[in-house]
């Protein structure tokens, strides 16, 4: 070990970032319900691929990140106005469909070809899953 510190592997870092996104609370971000979104303060869309999972995370504080399970991704994308605007839209659309999601305690990643959504609400974490092809062709 150089300088007495163990280096983390990219996949371990990505796993830690995903776990943080799924475990932090609205209070951690100093978020309160607002009129447009009384339930939803965060949404995570995960796409399962043969060798990786991509996790797109959007939170009401403007944070937007993309994590790839094999390592890498984009942190701080919410600083870009166009990205932040689309993240707000994602959260607002998620709010309108919040009743379509089920409450969960476990947060496994999706299998290849599947898309899983995790919705962070002020009361619980919710989920829904669909086939990637069905979503891409508006069949879900």
Foldseek 3Di string as FASTA:
>chain_A
DPPPDDDDAQLVVLVVVVVCLVPDACVVVPDAADPLANWFFKKWKWAAAPVWIWIWIAGNVQWTWIGINNGDTDGPPSVDVVVSVVSVVVRSVCRVCVVVWAFDDDDDGDHHQKMKMWTHTNVGITIDMDGPVCVVVVND
